[in-house]
N, C-alpha and C. Protein backbone atom coordinates (compact mmCIF):
# COMPACT_ATOMS: atom_id res chain seq x y z
N UNK A 1 -197.66 81.72 -64.90
CA UNK A 1 -196.02 82.27 -66.10
C UNK A 1 -195.49 81.45 -64.12
N UNK A 2 -194.57 80.58 -65.16
CA UNK A 2 -193.61 79.46 -64.10
C UNK A 2 -192.34 80.70 -63.56
N UNK A 3 -191.84 79.99 -62.61
CA UNK A 3 -191.05 80.91 -61.80
C UNK A 3 -189.49 81.24 -62.76
N UNK A 4 -189.22 79.75 -63.86
CA UNK A 4 -188.29 80.30 -64.83
C UNK A 4 -188.64 80.96 -66.16
N UNK A 5 -190.10 80.48 -65.86
CA UNK A 5 -190.36 81.42 -67.44
C UNK A 5 -190.19 83.35 -67.23
N UNK A 6 -190.83 83.41 -65.70
CA UNK A 6 -190.05 85.03 -65.01
C UNK A 6 -189.30 85.17 -65.11
N UNK A 7 -187.72 84.02 -64.66
CA UNK A 7 -186.54 84.23 -64.55
C UNK A 7 -185.87 84.79 -65.94
N UNK A 8 -186.31 84.26 -67.37
CA UNK A 8 -185.85 84.33 -68.63
C UNK A 8 -186.40 85.51 -69.09
N UNK A 9 -188.07 86.05 -68.61
CA UNK A 9 -188.03 87.44 -69.08
C UNK A 9 -186.98 88.04 -68.26
N UNK A 10 -186.89 88.46 -67.08
CA UNK A 10 -186.56 89.69 -66.32
C UNK A 10 -184.60 89.42 -66.91
N UNK A 11 -184.67 88.42 -67.29
CA UNK A 11 -182.71 88.33 -67.85
C UNK A 11 -183.02 88.85 -69.42
N UNK A 12 -184.23 88.75 -70.43
CA UNK A 12 -184.20 89.17 -71.52
C UNK A 12 -184.32 91.16 -71.38
N UNK A 13 -185.26 91.32 -70.11
CA UNK A 13 -184.75 92.54 -69.37
C UNK A 13 -183.87 93.58 -69.59
N UNK A 14 -182.57 92.45 -68.56
CA UNK A 14 -181.09 92.94 -68.45
C UNK A 14 -180.63 93.14 -69.76
N UNK A 15 -180.67 92.02 -70.04
CA UNK A 15 -179.96 92.00 -71.82
C UNK A 15 -180.79 93.19 -72.40
N UNK A 16 -181.45 93.98 -72.59
CA UNK A 16 -181.92 94.49 -73.14
C UNK A 16 -181.74 96.04 -73.08
N UNK A 17 -181.98 96.09 -71.18
CA UNK A 17 -181.11 97.60 -70.81
C UNK A 17 -179.56 97.71 -71.27
N UNK A 18 -179.36 96.65 -71.09
CA UNK A 18 -177.88 96.79 -71.19
C UNK A 18 -177.17 97.38 -72.55
N UNK A 19 -178.12 96.47 -74.06
CA UNK A 19 -177.91 96.51 -75.40
C UNK A 19 -178.06 98.09 -75.14
N UNK A 20 -178.82 98.60 -74.61
CA UNK A 20 -179.32 100.23 -74.97
C UNK A 20 -178.45 101.09 -74.23
N UNK A 21 -177.20 100.58 -73.11
CA UNK A 21 -176.37 101.28 -72.33
C UNK A 21 -175.59 101.43 -73.93
N UNK A 22 -175.22 100.45 -73.65
CA UNK A 22 -173.73 100.19 -75.17
C UNK A 22 -174.50 100.95 -76.21
N UNK A 23 -175.22 101.05 -76.53
CA UNK A 23 -175.40 101.39 -77.85
C UNK A 23 -175.60 103.23 -77.58
N UNK A 24 -176.07 103.96 -76.64
CA UNK A 24 -175.85 105.10 -76.11
C UNK A 24 -174.51 105.68 -76.21
N UNK A 25 -173.37 104.64 -75.07
CA UNK A 25 -172.26 105.11 -75.07
C UNK A 25 -171.54 104.86 -76.21
N UNK A 26 -171.75 104.07 -77.33
CA UNK A 26 -170.92 104.18 -78.81
C UNK A 26 -171.56 104.99 -79.64
N UNK A 27 -172.96 105.29 -79.43
CA UNK A 27 -173.17 107.04 -80.13
C UNK A 27 -173.34 108.20 -79.83
N UNK A 28 -172.26 107.91 -77.77
CA UNK A 28 -171.85 109.22 -77.76
C UNK A 28 -170.42 109.24 -77.75
N UNK A 29 -169.76 108.28 -77.82
CA UNK A 29 -167.93 108.08 -77.98
C UNK A 29 -168.09 108.74 -79.98
N UNK A 30 -169.18 107.87 -80.86
CA UNK A 30 -169.19 108.48 -82.57
C UNK A 30 -169.58 110.28 -82.51
N UNK A 31 -169.99 110.64 -81.55
CA UNK A 31 -170.36 112.60 -81.53
C UNK A 31 -169.11 113.02 -81.29
N UNK A 32 -168.54 112.30 -80.00
CA UNK A 32 -167.05 112.99 -79.72
C UNK A 32 -165.94 113.16 -80.46
N UNK A 33 -165.81 111.88 -80.94
CA UNK A 33 -164.51 111.98 -82.84
C UNK A 33 -165.32 112.55 -83.54
N UNK A 34 -166.11 113.11 -84.39
CA UNK A 34 -166.71 113.80 -84.89
C UNK A 34 -166.69 115.29 -84.70
N UNK A 35 -167.09 115.70 -83.54
CA UNK A 35 -166.28 116.84 -82.95
C UNK A 35 -165.02 117.53 -82.57
N UNK A 36 -164.65 116.49 -82.25
CA UNK A 36 -163.13 116.62 -82.30
C UNK A 36 -162.47 116.53 -83.47
N UNK A 37 -162.97 115.56 -84.71
CA UNK A 37 -162.46 116.22 -86.21
C UNK A 37 -162.77 117.42 -87.02
N UNK A 38 -164.24 117.88 -86.04
CA UNK A 38 -163.98 119.31 -87.02
C UNK A 38 -163.28 120.01 -86.53
N UNK A 39 -163.23 120.07 -84.66
CA UNK A 39 -162.46 121.21 -83.95
C UNK A 39 -161.22 121.05 -84.92
N UNK A 40 -160.63 120.49 -85.20
CA UNK A 40 -159.11 120.08 -85.14
C UNK A 40 -159.27 120.71 -86.49
N UNK A 41 -159.97 120.39 -87.36
CA UNK A 41 -160.56 120.82 -89.55
C UNK A 41 -160.47 122.31 -89.11
N UNK A 42 -161.24 122.99 -88.16
CA UNK A 42 -161.21 124.15 -87.77
C UNK A 42 -160.20 124.52 -87.87
N UNK A 43 -159.14 124.59 -86.17
CA UNK A 43 -158.05 125.10 -85.62
C UNK A 43 -157.60 124.91 -86.73
N UNK A 44 -157.24 124.20 -87.86
CA UNK A 44 -156.25 124.09 -88.63
C UNK A 44 -156.47 125.12 -89.61
N UNK A 45 -157.81 124.73 -90.05
CA UNK A 45 -158.04 125.94 -91.34
C UNK A 45 -157.91 127.90 -90.81
N UNK A 46 -158.28 127.82 -89.70
CA UNK A 46 -158.58 128.76 -89.02
C UNK A 46 -159.05 129.92 -90.37
N UNK A 47 -159.80 130.33 -90.88
CA UNK A 47 -160.26 130.85 -91.50
C UNK A 47 -160.53 132.70 -91.42
N UNK A 48 -159.72 133.38 -92.13
CA UNK A 48 -159.31 134.63 -92.16
C UNK A 48 -160.82 135.45 -92.63
N UNK A 49 -161.12 136.48 -92.19
CA UNK A 49 -161.97 137.02 -92.11
C UNK A 49 -161.88 138.06 -93.85
N UNK A 50 -162.65 138.16 -94.51
CA UNK A 50 -163.17 138.89 -95.95
C UNK A 50 -162.52 140.09 -95.48
N UNK A 51 -161.00 140.67 -96.66
CA UNK A 51 -161.19 141.89 -97.10
C UNK A 51 -162.44 142.55 -97.42
N UNK A 52 -162.59 144.15 -97.19
CA UNK A 52 -163.25 144.65 -97.68
C UNK A 52 -162.59 145.58 -98.36
N UNK A 53 -163.25 146.32 -99.32
CA UNK A 53 -162.42 147.63 -99.66
C UNK A 53 -164.42 148.45 -100.29
N UNK A 54 -163.99 149.60 -100.08
CA UNK A 54 -164.71 150.70 -100.66
C UNK A 54 -164.12 151.94 -102.02
N UNK A 55 -164.83 151.49 -102.82
CA UNK A 55 -164.01 151.39 -104.21
C UNK A 55 -164.60 152.92 -104.68
N UNK A 56 -165.55 153.30 -105.04
CA UNK A 56 -165.93 154.86 -105.29
C UNK A 56 -167.34 154.92 -104.09
N UNK A 57 -167.82 155.84 -104.76
CA UNK A 57 -168.73 157.14 -103.49
C UNK A 57 -169.31 157.78 -105.13
N UNK A 58 -170.87 157.84 -105.68
CA UNK A 58 -171.35 158.30 -106.32
C UNK A 58 -172.15 159.65 -105.52
N UNK A 59 -172.19 160.75 -105.71
CA UNK A 59 -173.48 161.81 -104.54
C UNK A 59 -174.09 162.29 -105.78
N UNK A 60 -175.39 161.90 -105.16
CA UNK A 60 -176.44 162.39 -106.21
C UNK A 60 -177.26 163.73 -105.71
N UNK A 61 -176.73 163.46 -104.73
CA UNK A 61 -177.69 164.82 -102.99
C UNK A 61 -177.05 165.04 -101.97
N UNK A 62 -177.15 166.13 -101.37
CA UNK A 62 -176.63 165.83 -99.92
C UNK A 62 -177.18 167.21 -99.76
N UNK A 63 -177.87 167.62 -99.07
CA UNK A 63 -178.50 168.88 -98.43
C UNK A 63 -178.56 168.05 -96.41
N UNK A 64 -178.59 170.14 -96.29
CA UNK A 64 -178.90 169.89 -94.61
C UNK A 64 -179.32 171.07 -94.23
N UNK A 65 -180.09 171.20 -93.89
CA UNK A 65 -180.97 172.33 -92.51
C UNK A 65 -180.69 171.58 -91.11
N UNK A 66 -180.77 173.33 -91.12
CA UNK A 66 -181.11 173.77 -89.36
C UNK A 66 -182.02 173.64 -88.63
N UNK A 67 -182.38 174.38 -88.86
CA UNK A 67 -183.88 174.47 -87.88
C UNK A 67 -185.03 174.27 -89.36
N UNK A 68 -185.84 173.18 -89.64
CA UNK A 68 -185.30 172.14 -88.79
C UNK A 68 -183.92 171.30 -88.24
N UNK A 69 -183.25 170.28 -87.83
CA UNK A 69 -182.48 170.32 -88.35
C UNK A 69 -182.87 168.28 -88.97
N UNK A 70 -182.47 168.30 -90.15
CA UNK A 70 -182.68 167.67 -91.22
C UNK A 70 -181.34 167.32 -92.39
N UNK A 71 -181.71 166.37 -92.76
CA UNK A 71 -180.51 166.01 -93.84
C UNK A 71 -180.85 165.14 -94.73
N UNK A 72 -180.29 164.68 -96.32
CA UNK A 72 -180.84 164.30 -96.83
C UNK A 72 -179.59 164.30 -97.62
N UNK A 73 -179.36 162.93 -98.42
CA UNK A 73 -178.28 162.16 -98.55
C UNK A 73 -178.50 161.16 -99.73
N UNK A 74 -178.29 161.00 -100.60
CA UNK A 74 -178.71 160.20 -101.91
C UNK A 74 -177.42 159.49 -102.71
N UNK A 75 -176.50 158.74 -102.69
CA UNK A 75 -175.70 158.09 -102.68
C UNK A 75 -175.86 156.73 -103.33
N UNK A 76 -174.53 156.38 -104.56
CA UNK A 76 -174.35 155.11 -104.68
C UNK A 76 -172.86 154.90 -104.12
N UNK A 77 -172.71 153.24 -103.72
CA UNK A 77 -171.23 153.03 -103.47
C UNK A 77 -170.53 151.71 -103.92
N UNK A 78 -169.99 151.50 -104.86
CA UNK A 78 -169.51 150.39 -105.26
C UNK A 78 -168.04 149.63 -103.74
N UNK A 79 -169.03 148.67 -103.69
CA UNK A 79 -167.70 147.78 -102.22
C UNK A 79 -167.62 146.67 -103.08
N UNK A 80 -166.14 146.34 -103.06
CA UNK A 80 -165.82 144.78 -103.08
C UNK A 80 -165.49 144.15 -101.73
N UNK A 81 -165.34 142.53 -102.24
CA UNK A 81 -165.10 141.55 -101.21
C UNK A 81 -163.97 140.50 -101.79
N UNK A 82 -163.06 140.33 -100.68
CA UNK A 82 -162.30 139.48 -101.25
C UNK A 82 -162.06 138.10 -99.99
N UNK A 83 -162.42 136.97 -100.63
CA UNK A 83 -162.19 135.68 -99.41
C UNK A 83 -161.01 135.33 -99.39
N UNK A 84 -159.82 135.43 -98.88
CA UNK A 84 -158.40 135.53 -98.56
C UNK A 84 -158.65 134.39 -98.26
N UNK A 85 -159.00 133.27 -98.10
CA UNK A 85 -158.72 132.09 -97.33
C UNK A 85 -158.66 130.71 -98.94
N UNK A 86 -157.79 129.78 -99.17
CA UNK A 86 -157.30 128.91 -99.33
C UNK A 86 -158.37 128.07 -99.95
N UNK A 87 -158.95 127.72 -98.72
CA UNK A 87 -159.67 125.95 -98.87
C UNK A 87 -161.18 127.01 -98.06
N UNK A 88 -161.42 127.55 -97.70
CA UNK A 88 -163.48 128.18 -97.07
C UNK A 88 -163.33 129.15 -97.72
N UNK A 89 -165.12 128.27 -98.17
CA UNK A 89 -165.74 129.73 -98.83
C UNK A 89 -166.69 130.14 -97.24
N UNK A 90 -167.10 131.44 -98.59
CA UNK A 90 -168.17 132.49 -97.40
C UNK A 90 -169.59 132.55 -97.99
N UNK A 91 -170.34 132.23 -97.53
CA UNK A 91 -171.87 132.10 -97.23
C UNK A 91 -171.99 134.12 -96.73
N UNK A 92 -172.78 134.97 -97.76
CA UNK A 92 -173.29 136.00 -97.10
C UNK A 92 -174.32 135.72 -96.91
N UNK A 93 -175.07 135.96 -95.74
CA UNK A 93 -175.92 135.97 -95.46
C UNK A 93 -177.36 137.49 -95.45
N UNK A 94 -177.74 137.37 -94.56
CA UNK A 94 -178.51 138.89 -94.57
C UNK A 94 -177.53 139.73 -94.40
N UNK A 95 -177.62 140.74 -95.03
CA UNK A 95 -176.44 142.28 -95.16
C UNK A 95 -177.13 143.37 -95.52
N UNK A 96 -177.39 144.41 -94.48
CA UNK A 96 -177.99 145.39 -94.50
C UNK A 96 -176.37 146.41 -94.96
N UNK A 97 -176.62 147.32 -95.82
CA UNK A 97 -175.66 148.28 -95.93
C UNK A 97 -176.12 149.61 -96.12
N UNK A 98 -175.37 150.80 -94.88
CA UNK A 98 -176.61 151.64 -94.71
C UNK A 98 -175.35 152.79 -94.57
N UNK A 99 -175.83 153.96 -94.52
CA UNK A 99 -174.56 155.42 -94.43
C UNK A 99 -175.07 155.98 -93.36
N UNK A 100 -173.76 156.67 -92.59
CA UNK A 100 -173.76 157.64 -91.58
C UNK A 100 -172.80 158.28 -91.12
N UNK A 101 -173.04 159.21 -90.85
CA UNK A 101 -172.19 160.24 -90.93
C UNK A 101 -172.04 160.94 -88.74
N UNK A 102 -170.93 161.16 -88.39
CA UNK A 102 -170.38 161.81 -87.43
C UNK A 102 -171.02 160.91 -86.35
N UNK A 103 -170.98 159.24 -86.58
CA UNK A 103 -171.66 157.86 -85.48
C UNK A 103 -173.41 157.81 -85.79
N UNK A 104 -173.94 158.97 -86.83
CA UNK A 104 -175.58 158.78 -86.72
C UNK A 104 -175.56 158.37 -87.90
N UNK A 105 -177.11 157.47 -88.15
CA UNK A 105 -177.01 156.52 -89.28
C UNK A 105 -177.85 157.61 -90.55
N UNK A 106 -177.71 157.93 -90.92
CA UNK A 106 -178.63 158.71 -91.66
C UNK A 106 -179.14 158.45 -93.27
N UNK A 107 -178.65 157.04 -93.67
CA UNK A 107 -180.09 156.63 -95.14
C UNK A 107 -180.10 155.44 -94.60
N UNK A 108 -181.35 155.03 -95.28
CA UNK A 108 -181.99 153.65 -94.77
C UNK A 108 -181.03 152.60 -95.36
N UNK A 109 -181.53 151.00 -94.46
CA UNK A 109 -180.76 150.08 -94.99
C UNK A 109 -181.21 149.69 -96.08
N UNK A 110 -180.05 148.78 -96.87
CA UNK A 110 -180.04 148.32 -98.44
C UNK A 110 -179.87 147.39 -98.16
N UNK A 111 -181.05 146.32 -98.49
CA UNK A 111 -180.74 144.55 -98.42
C UNK A 111 -179.85 144.45 -99.41
N UNK A 112 -178.49 143.74 -99.22
CA UNK A 112 -177.51 143.27 -100.62
C UNK A 112 -177.86 141.47 -101.22
N UNK A 113 -178.24 141.22 -101.91
CA UNK A 113 -178.23 140.21 -102.01
C UNK A 113 -176.91 138.87 -101.74
N UNK A 114 -177.83 137.55 -101.20
CA UNK A 114 -177.24 136.90 -100.31
C UNK A 114 -176.37 136.27 -101.57
N UNK A 115 -175.01 136.00 -101.23
CA UNK A 115 -174.35 135.46 -101.94
C UNK A 115 -173.04 134.63 -101.49
N UNK A 116 -172.25 133.67 -102.02
CA UNK A 116 -171.69 132.70 -101.38
C UNK A 116 -170.05 133.02 -102.75
N UNK A 117 -169.40 132.95 -101.85
CA UNK A 117 -167.74 134.06 -102.43
C UNK A 117 -167.34 132.22 -102.15
N UNK A 118 -166.29 132.03 -103.25
CA UNK A 118 -165.09 130.68 -102.77
C UNK A 118 -163.99 131.39 -102.88
N UNK A 119 -162.91 130.34 -102.89
CA UNK A 119 -161.75 130.22 -101.84
C UNK A 119 -161.37 131.44 -103.28
N UNK A 120 -160.31 132.33 -102.57
CA UNK A 120 -160.12 133.44 -103.26
C UNK A 120 -161.09 134.19 -104.00
N UNK A 121 -161.88 134.30 -104.37
CA UNK A 121 -162.94 134.88 -105.13
C UNK A 121 -163.21 136.70 -104.57
N UNK A 122 -163.69 137.00 -105.66
CA UNK A 122 -163.81 138.57 -105.41
C UNK A 122 -165.60 138.85 -105.86
N UNK A 123 -166.39 139.48 -104.58
CA UNK A 123 -167.66 140.05 -105.06
C UNK A 123 -167.89 141.16 -104.91
N UNK A 124 -168.91 142.00 -105.97
CA UNK A 124 -168.42 143.37 -105.71
C UNK A 124 -170.22 143.87 -105.42
N UNK A 125 -170.16 145.11 -104.87
CA UNK A 125 -172.02 145.14 -105.04
C UNK A 125 -172.07 146.34 -105.23
N UNK A 126 -172.91 147.23 -105.39
CA UNK A 126 -173.44 148.85 -105.40
C UNK A 126 -174.38 149.42 -105.02
N UNK A 127 -174.66 149.04 -104.38
CA UNK A 127 -176.32 149.12 -103.83
C UNK A 127 -176.31 150.82 -103.95
N UNK A 128 -177.57 151.82 -103.67
CA UNK A 128 -178.22 152.70 -103.75
C UNK A 128 -178.23 153.12 -102.22
N UNK A 129 -178.28 154.35 -101.63
CA UNK A 129 -178.13 154.79 -99.96
C UNK A 129 -178.79 156.03 -100.08
N UNK A 130 -180.26 156.28 -99.79
CA UNK A 130 -180.60 156.98 -99.60
C UNK A 130 -181.09 157.33 -98.29
N UNK A 131 -181.58 158.76 -97.90
CA UNK A 131 -182.28 159.41 -97.32
C UNK A 131 -182.94 160.33 -97.21
N UNK A 132 -184.50 160.92 -97.82
CA UNK A 132 -184.63 161.97 -97.45
C UNK A 132 -185.08 162.70 -96.27
N UNK A 133 -184.54 163.88 -95.45
CA UNK A 133 -185.27 164.57 -95.43
C UNK A 133 -184.96 163.62 -93.03
N UNK A 134 -184.13 163.34 -92.97
CA UNK A 134 -183.57 162.43 -91.70
C UNK A 134 -183.34 163.43 -91.01
N UNK A 135 -184.03 163.16 -89.85
CA UNK A 135 -183.58 164.07 -88.33
C UNK A 135 -182.65 163.87 -87.74
N UNK A 136 -181.67 164.65 -87.52
CA UNK A 136 -180.03 164.76 -86.97
C UNK A 136 -180.46 165.31 -85.80
N UNK A 137 -179.32 165.09 -85.37
CA UNK A 137 -179.00 165.86 -83.83
C UNK A 137 -179.12 167.38 -83.91
N UNK A 138 -178.94 168.73 -83.72
CA UNK A 138 -178.52 169.97 -83.86
C UNK A 138 -176.79 169.28 -84.88
N UNK A 139 -176.49 169.06 -83.26
CA UNK A 139 -174.55 169.59 -84.10
C UNK A 139 -174.46 168.96 -85.29
N UNK A 140 -175.06 168.07 -85.55
CA UNK A 140 -174.35 167.15 -87.04
C UNK A 140 -175.40 167.70 -87.97
N UNK A 141 -176.58 168.53 -88.15
CA UNK A 141 -176.82 169.14 -89.08
C UNK A 141 -175.60 170.86 -89.24
N UNK A 142 -175.54 171.32 -88.31
CA UNK A 142 -174.50 172.09 -88.18
C UNK A 142 -172.73 172.00 -88.60
N UNK A 143 -172.41 170.35 -88.45
CA UNK A 143 -171.07 169.70 -88.79
C UNK A 143 -171.14 169.68 -90.25
N UNK A 144 -172.28 169.54 -90.96
CA UNK A 144 -172.07 168.53 -91.89
C UNK A 144 -172.50 170.21 -92.77
N UNK A 145 -172.98 171.30 -92.55
CA UNK A 145 -173.09 172.16 -92.87
C UNK A 145 -171.96 173.18 -93.48
N UNK A 146 -170.97 173.16 -91.81
CA UNK A 146 -169.45 173.40 -92.42
C UNK A 146 -168.42 172.38 -92.69
N UNK A 147 -168.61 171.56 -92.74
CA UNK A 147 -167.07 170.31 -93.94
C UNK A 147 -168.10 170.98 -95.64
N UNK A 148 -169.55 170.45 -95.89
CA UNK A 148 -169.79 171.35 -96.87
C UNK A 148 -168.99 172.78 -97.17
N UNK A 149 -168.51 173.07 -96.61
CA UNK A 149 -167.75 174.93 -97.03
C UNK A 149 -166.52 174.36 -96.90
N UNK A 150 -165.99 173.68 -96.18
CA UNK A 150 -164.57 173.24 -96.14
C UNK A 150 -164.18 173.01 -97.48
N UNK A 151 -165.17 172.23 -97.79
CA UNK A 151 -165.03 171.00 -99.32
C UNK A 151 -164.69 169.77 -98.73
N UNK A 152 -165.13 169.35 -97.94
CA UNK A 152 -164.84 167.92 -97.91
C UNK A 152 -165.05 167.35 -96.77
N UNK A 153 -165.78 166.59 -96.28
CA UNK A 153 -166.81 165.41 -95.98
C UNK A 153 -166.25 164.19 -95.70
N UNK A 154 -166.13 163.32 -94.47
CA UNK A 154 -166.40 162.07 -93.87
C UNK A 154 -167.53 161.29 -93.38
N UNK A 155 -167.72 160.37 -94.08
CA UNK A 155 -169.66 159.66 -94.30
C UNK A 155 -168.20 157.92 -94.21
N UNK A 156 -169.20 157.29 -93.50
CA UNK A 156 -169.06 155.77 -92.89
C UNK A 156 -170.20 155.23 -93.96
N UNK A 157 -169.50 154.38 -94.69
CA UNK A 157 -170.18 153.24 -95.45
C UNK A 157 -170.22 152.17 -94.76
N UNK A 158 -171.56 152.14 -93.96
CA UNK A 158 -171.75 150.35 -92.62
C UNK A 158 -172.46 148.93 -93.26
N UNK A 159 -171.99 147.60 -92.92
CA UNK A 159 -172.63 146.54 -93.49
C UNK A 159 -172.60 145.54 -91.98
N UNK A 160 -173.80 145.75 -91.97
CA UNK A 160 -174.25 144.76 -90.87
C UNK A 160 -175.22 143.24 -91.52
N UNK A 161 -174.59 141.91 -90.89
CA UNK A 161 -174.70 141.15 -91.53
C UNK A 161 -174.28 140.03 -91.16
N UNK A 162 -174.58 138.46 -91.92
CA UNK A 162 -174.35 137.20 -91.03
C UNK A 162 -173.50 136.19 -91.91
N UNK A 163 -172.53 135.85 -91.53
CA UNK A 163 -172.01 134.87 -92.78
C UNK A 163 -171.45 133.49 -92.13
N UNK A 164 -171.80 132.76 -93.12
CA UNK A 164 -171.00 131.14 -92.73
C UNK A 164 -169.68 130.93 -93.36
N UNK A 165 -169.36 129.84 -92.31
CA UNK A 165 -167.88 129.51 -93.26
C UNK A 165 -168.29 128.36 -94.13
N UNK A 166 -167.76 127.88 -95.38
CA UNK A 166 -167.69 126.39 -95.79
C UNK A 166 -166.23 125.29 -95.71
N UNK A 167 -166.73 124.34 -95.64
CA UNK A 167 -164.99 123.66 -95.91
C UNK A 167 -165.61 122.47 -95.95
N UNK A 168 -164.94 122.09 -97.32
CA UNK A 168 -165.61 121.07 -97.76
C UNK A 168 -166.86 121.26 -98.16
N UNK A 169 -167.66 119.86 -97.51
CA UNK A 169 -169.62 119.64 -97.30
C UNK A 169 -169.92 120.78 -95.95
N UNK A 170 -168.87 120.85 -95.42
CA UNK A 170 -169.15 121.09 -93.85
C UNK A 170 -169.58 122.63 -93.76
N UNK A 171 -170.53 123.18 -92.92
CA UNK A 171 -170.89 124.37 -93.47
C UNK A 171 -171.78 125.37 -91.52
N UNK A 172 -170.75 125.90 -91.12
CA UNK A 172 -171.04 126.62 -89.94
C UNK A 172 -171.74 127.20 -89.26
N UNK A 173 -172.17 127.66 -88.47
CA UNK A 173 -173.44 128.27 -88.04
C UNK A 173 -173.33 129.56 -88.30
N UNK A 174 -174.03 130.63 -87.33
CA UNK A 174 -173.79 131.92 -88.63
C UNK A 174 -173.14 132.70 -87.32
N UNK A 175 -171.96 133.71 -88.28
CA UNK A 175 -171.58 134.78 -87.38
C UNK A 175 -171.59 136.19 -87.73
N UNK A 176 -171.85 136.91 -86.53
CA UNK A 176 -172.04 138.29 -87.07
C UNK A 176 -171.14 139.42 -87.80
N UNK A 177 -171.38 140.09 -88.97
CA UNK A 177 -170.00 139.96 -89.75
C UNK A 177 -170.53 141.93 -89.44
N UNK A 178 -169.55 142.53 -89.39
CA UNK A 178 -169.51 144.49 -89.52
C UNK A 178 -168.09 144.88 -89.86
N UNK A 179 -168.68 145.64 -91.17
CA UNK A 179 -167.92 146.34 -91.91
C UNK A 179 -167.98 148.10 -91.96
N UNK A 180 -167.06 148.25 -91.66
CA UNK A 180 -167.11 149.81 -91.63
C UNK A 180 -165.75 150.92 -92.62
N UNK A 181 -166.16 151.11 -93.53
CA UNK A 181 -165.45 152.00 -94.71
C UNK A 181 -166.23 153.62 -94.28
N UNK A 182 -164.56 154.31 -94.09
CA UNK A 182 -164.56 154.97 -94.24
C UNK A 182 -164.44 156.22 -95.82
N UNK A 183 -166.14 156.94 -96.17
CA UNK A 183 -165.32 157.83 -97.44
C UNK A 183 -165.18 159.25 -97.10
N UNK A 184 -163.70 159.36 -97.41
CA UNK A 184 -163.42 160.49 -97.34
C UNK A 184 -163.94 161.41 -98.38
N UNK A 185 -164.41 162.46 -98.70
CA UNK A 185 -165.23 162.98 -99.90
C UNK A 185 -164.61 164.30 -99.78
N UNK A 186 -163.60 164.67 -101.36
CA UNK A 186 -163.26 166.29 -101.18
C UNK A 186 -164.18 166.75 -102.55
N UNK A 187 -164.12 167.21 -102.27
CA UNK A 187 -165.87 167.97 -103.42
C UNK A 187 -165.01 169.29 -104.28
N UNK A 188 -163.91 169.96 -103.51
CA UNK A 188 -162.83 170.14 -103.88
C UNK A 188 -161.78 170.08 -104.43
N UNK A 189 -161.54 169.25 -104.86
CA UNK A 189 -160.80 168.09 -105.39
C UNK A 189 -161.51 167.55 -106.70
N UNK A 190 -161.13 167.79 -107.63
CA UNK A 190 -161.53 167.71 -109.70
C UNK A 190 -160.38 166.80 -109.99
N UNK A 191 -159.55 165.94 -109.09
CA UNK A 191 -159.00 165.39 -109.63
C UNK A 191 -159.30 163.55 -109.72
N UNK A 192 -160.02 163.51 -108.08
CA UNK A 192 -160.82 162.49 -108.44
C UNK A 192 -161.83 162.22 -108.18
N UNK A 193 -163.21 162.64 -108.75
CA UNK A 193 -164.09 163.21 -109.13
C UNK A 193 -164.48 163.11 -110.84
N UNK A 194 -165.29 162.48 -110.96
CA UNK A 194 -165.87 162.33 -112.45
C UNK A 194 -167.27 162.91 -112.30
N UNK A 195 -167.89 163.90 -112.93
CA UNK A 195 -169.25 164.31 -113.21
C UNK A 195 -169.89 163.79 -113.93
N UNK A 196 -170.93 162.95 -113.32
CA UNK A 196 -171.83 162.04 -114.11
C UNK A 196 -173.26 162.93 -113.66
N UNK A 197 -173.50 164.07 -114.86
CA UNK A 197 -174.41 164.77 -115.10
C UNK A 197 -174.57 165.79 -114.49
N UNK A 198 -175.66 166.16 -113.09
CA UNK A 198 -175.35 166.96 -112.02
C UNK A 198 -174.89 166.12 -110.76
N UNK A 199 -174.88 164.80 -111.11
CA UNK A 199 -173.90 163.48 -109.79
C UNK A 199 -172.58 164.04 -109.81
N UNK A 200 -171.67 163.77 -108.73
CA UNK A 200 -169.83 163.47 -108.75
C UNK A 200 -169.62 161.90 -108.76
N UNK A 201 -168.81 161.57 -108.85
CA UNK A 201 -168.61 159.99 -108.51
C UNK A 201 -166.92 160.24 -107.99
N UNK A 202 -167.16 160.01 -106.74
CA UNK A 202 -165.95 159.91 -106.46
C UNK A 202 -164.75 158.97 -106.71
N UNK A 203 -164.20 158.42 -106.84
CA UNK A 203 -162.61 157.56 -106.46
C UNK A 203 -162.32 157.02 -105.43
N UNK A 204 -162.76 156.05 -104.62
CA UNK A 204 -161.94 156.18 -102.81
C UNK A 204 -160.93 155.37 -102.59
N UNK A 205 -160.74 153.91 -103.13
CA UNK A 205 -160.30 153.04 -102.77
C UNK A 205 -159.59 153.25 -101.44
N UNK A 206 -160.72 152.49 -100.66
CA UNK A 206 -160.53 152.61 -99.20
C UNK A 206 -160.33 151.11 -98.70
N UNK A 207 -159.91 151.02 -98.03
CA UNK A 207 -159.16 149.48 -97.14
C UNK A 207 -160.69 149.56 -96.01
N UNK A 208 -161.35 148.91 -95.66
CA UNK A 208 -162.45 149.20 -94.73
C UNK A 208 -162.28 148.24 -92.99
N UNK A 209 -162.98 148.55 -91.88
CA UNK A 209 -162.50 147.63 -91.00
C UNK A 209 -163.62 146.57 -90.90
N UNK A 210 -163.00 145.11 -90.75
CA UNK A 210 -164.12 144.24 -90.44
C UNK A 210 -163.77 143.21 -89.05
N UNK A 211 -164.92 142.90 -89.24
CA UNK A 211 -165.17 142.50 -87.62
C UNK A 211 -165.63 141.23 -87.77
N UNK A 212 -166.06 139.56 -87.50
CA UNK A 212 -166.44 138.71 -87.21
C UNK A 212 -166.77 138.22 -85.88
């Protein structure tokens, strides 16, 4: 190879390297522009977290024993969720709902179906929550017996899940969703209870605390 050919080859390599650098700069600029656009859209729209309401609780069974300290609970709850956003949809992904009493989980988690919720839409779930002979702390079992004697029990219906936001064709990453619905059940108040066979259905209509 002549000196001229080597010079031409080296010049071609330099041109190719320069082309790759320019291409990389262009791609980087495009990525930055797209990121800025997404950030601006996100900042302008600012999705509001969904509103959850515990509508009612049907109690099929509720028993507690002190020795051993066990709690058995069988409920059906009705929970509604409303999307308050005008331009943002919500994908509900994995959603586990369970019952808790005095901070302790007392039912097995029930998996809610994955759901897409459009603008201003309302979704309603009616899962069953059950726990059979669940071991609890001694003070928990005793407190439940005392609450039953008084005629009023405060349960918490909790949801642990993940959501995604949808803006046009763009879908966000996963966000953790925590929902806590207090269920204050007054067994001695027949005005808010409906007998369904041996079960009692209590109208609650209680707003829930939502964290995203």
